[in-house]
Amino acid sequence: CNTLKCFERLVLEHIKDIIFDSLDPLQFAYRCNRSTEDAISITLHTTLSHLENKNCYARLLFVDYSSAFNTVIPSQLIAKLQDLQPSSSLCNLVLDFLTGRPQQVRIGGKTSSIITINTGTPQGSVLSPLLYSVYTHDCISKYSSNTILKFADDTTVIGLISKDDETAYREEVRLLAEWCQDNDLTLKTKERIVDFHKQATEHNPIYIGGEAVEQVSSFRFLGVTLTDDLKWSSHTAAVVRKTQQHLYFLRRRSKARMSPTTLCRFYRCTVESILTGCITSWYSDCSVQDCRALQRVVSTAQQITCTRLPAIQDIHITCCLRKVNRIRRDPSHPALSVFTLLPSRKRLKSIRTCTSRFRNCFYPTAIRLMNNR
């Protein structure tokens, strides 16, 4: 098994050298210097920058595929791999790797008969993530007013609607449904509409396969709760509830007289990691009350550990600066164009904003932090 994985790593690096630049830059999974934070930040930036204009709103379609890795059709995958121009011998090697795979199930002391599998990619395989990215690399937006972002099998279609013209968005959704049907992928969808018009209007639903897509007021997107008003009270309340549960275990370890060093490590692993999850994408737009609620968790942990712990705001600033530096060092990052230097080459060009919700999202905030250093 270890020998096979070593061989897979060699094949993986060889495939990457050939096709990496051809893969969709808006696939944020299985790539260096890409994360859920990047996907969330670009989603919010794309939406909020559009909403700065008059007579505009946005429709976000959240798509999840049922058993996506298990339904990959090897023949179609190889056809897409060939379009990226690797050698025929490499394509044949991948095809042999995916087809004719024996599988059996063992429960206790009983073992099922062996069956041969010719679909899907093996679970736990080194090659599977890259092969899935190849399989979905042609799922891209066909209209400039739409954006399709992907994180593994989670896909988001962002439709930027102006003057109530939804033609391009609805056609994009229709083409996506056709693409899924052609690639044997089953859709599970929800839709959220972001509309800040003073007079609320009812938006007609979209249909996929003859069924109306459910419109929701909030959605858990890559670990972050997005609401229709793009405020973060729901998300921070959920974060605080979850961290308070872990504070109980921190107290138990404190009563067991563990050392402050051990308690701090436990806090950073079980509490701080939850408090700061995707923090660059949402913290700067939190209300004062939400920030105080998050900081109270840190204050409680300080009392338990008897150690000074970094404040949430300080962690946020550090994470923002680190994220910007990583993006600027990555020429293939889809957000690189946001961080443009002024002619003086000493400061970054600011993003013009009209509303506080856009001013406080990640990219404008990060640029201000960089310029104020």
Foldseek 3Di string as FASTA:
>chain_A
DVVVQVVLVVLVVVLCVQQVLVFALLAQAPDPLGDLLLNLQVLLLLQQVLVLDPQKWKKKKKKFWDPLQQAFQLVLLLVLSVVSPDDPVSSVVVQVQQFQDWDWDDDDPDIDDIDTDRGGDDPPHPCSQVSQSSSCRPLAQPDPQWGWHHHRRIIMIMHMDHNNDCPSVLVSVAVNLVSCVVRVIDIDIAMEMADDDPDDDDDDFHDRPNDGHHYDQWDQRSNAIAGSPRARPVRLVVLLVQLVVQVVVLLVVLVVVDALVVSVVSCVVRRVCSLCPSVLFHVLRYDPVSLVSSQVSVVSSCVSSVDDDDRPVVVNLVVLQVSLVSLCVDPSNPCNVLFDADPVNQATDADDGDDPSSCRGRSNVSRVSSRVD
